[in-house]
Amino acid sequence: MLVHWPAAFQQREDDNYVPTDANGKIIFEHVDIIETWNAFEKLVDLGYAKHIGVSNFSIEQLERIRYSEKVKIQPYCNQIEGHLYLQQPVMTRYLAERKIYLTFFSCLGRATLQGPFGVPLIKDPVLEEVAKEVGKTTAQTNLRFLKQLSPYNVVIPMSNNPVNIKGNFELDFTLSEEQMNKLKSRDRAFRFVDPWLEWGVDALNLGH
């Protein structure tokens, strides 16, 4: 079970997940993230959850949870956007050193959106080159690359195509050091998903 955002939205009677005002602006509510985390800990105590983690959290926000005297259960994972163009090396290293799992969402980019090189992620020329070398699809090669960055990395690609879903599980191959370095060179800290920009808030200062 995950705390999906470090931000808290105002609770409404209609249970609208993302409440907005008359001008269409999202209505946030100040809730200390430690208070939310303590509520999640109770779910573990009651047997409703086996593990609890977070999503879209910065290292600073994770540190607040990890070192709070009010916290007794450490985060199991952090779910964040990650793919060929957003490899998250600092977060990857931080979580691996603390044996916290990193779950990458949007790990195949967005099929209808171009990346920083003017093509969709799965049509990246370097990715295509490496995929051809290993005899796999570009999607499989990208997923294997992300998993191989750390033993604590998990990928959760989305698809409604049965063939693609099956292929996304067939990652039992290994990329060479040279191939890994080729793919690492494509990192551009490029986001396909950036709600903070759309919402007009500073993600680092949320949850305090």
Foldseek 3Di string as FASTA:
>chain_A
DEAEALWAFDQDPVRDVFDADPVRATHTDADAVLVVVVVVVVCVVVVNDVAYAYEPADPLSLVCQVPDPSHDHHHQEYEYADWLQALPLVVQVVCQVVNHAYEHECHQPDQVDAWPVGHRSQVPPLLVVQCVVVVAGSLLSGQLLSCVSHVRYHYDYDDPDPVVVVSNVPNPDDDDPVSSVSSNVNHNNTDSDDVCVVNVHDRNPGND
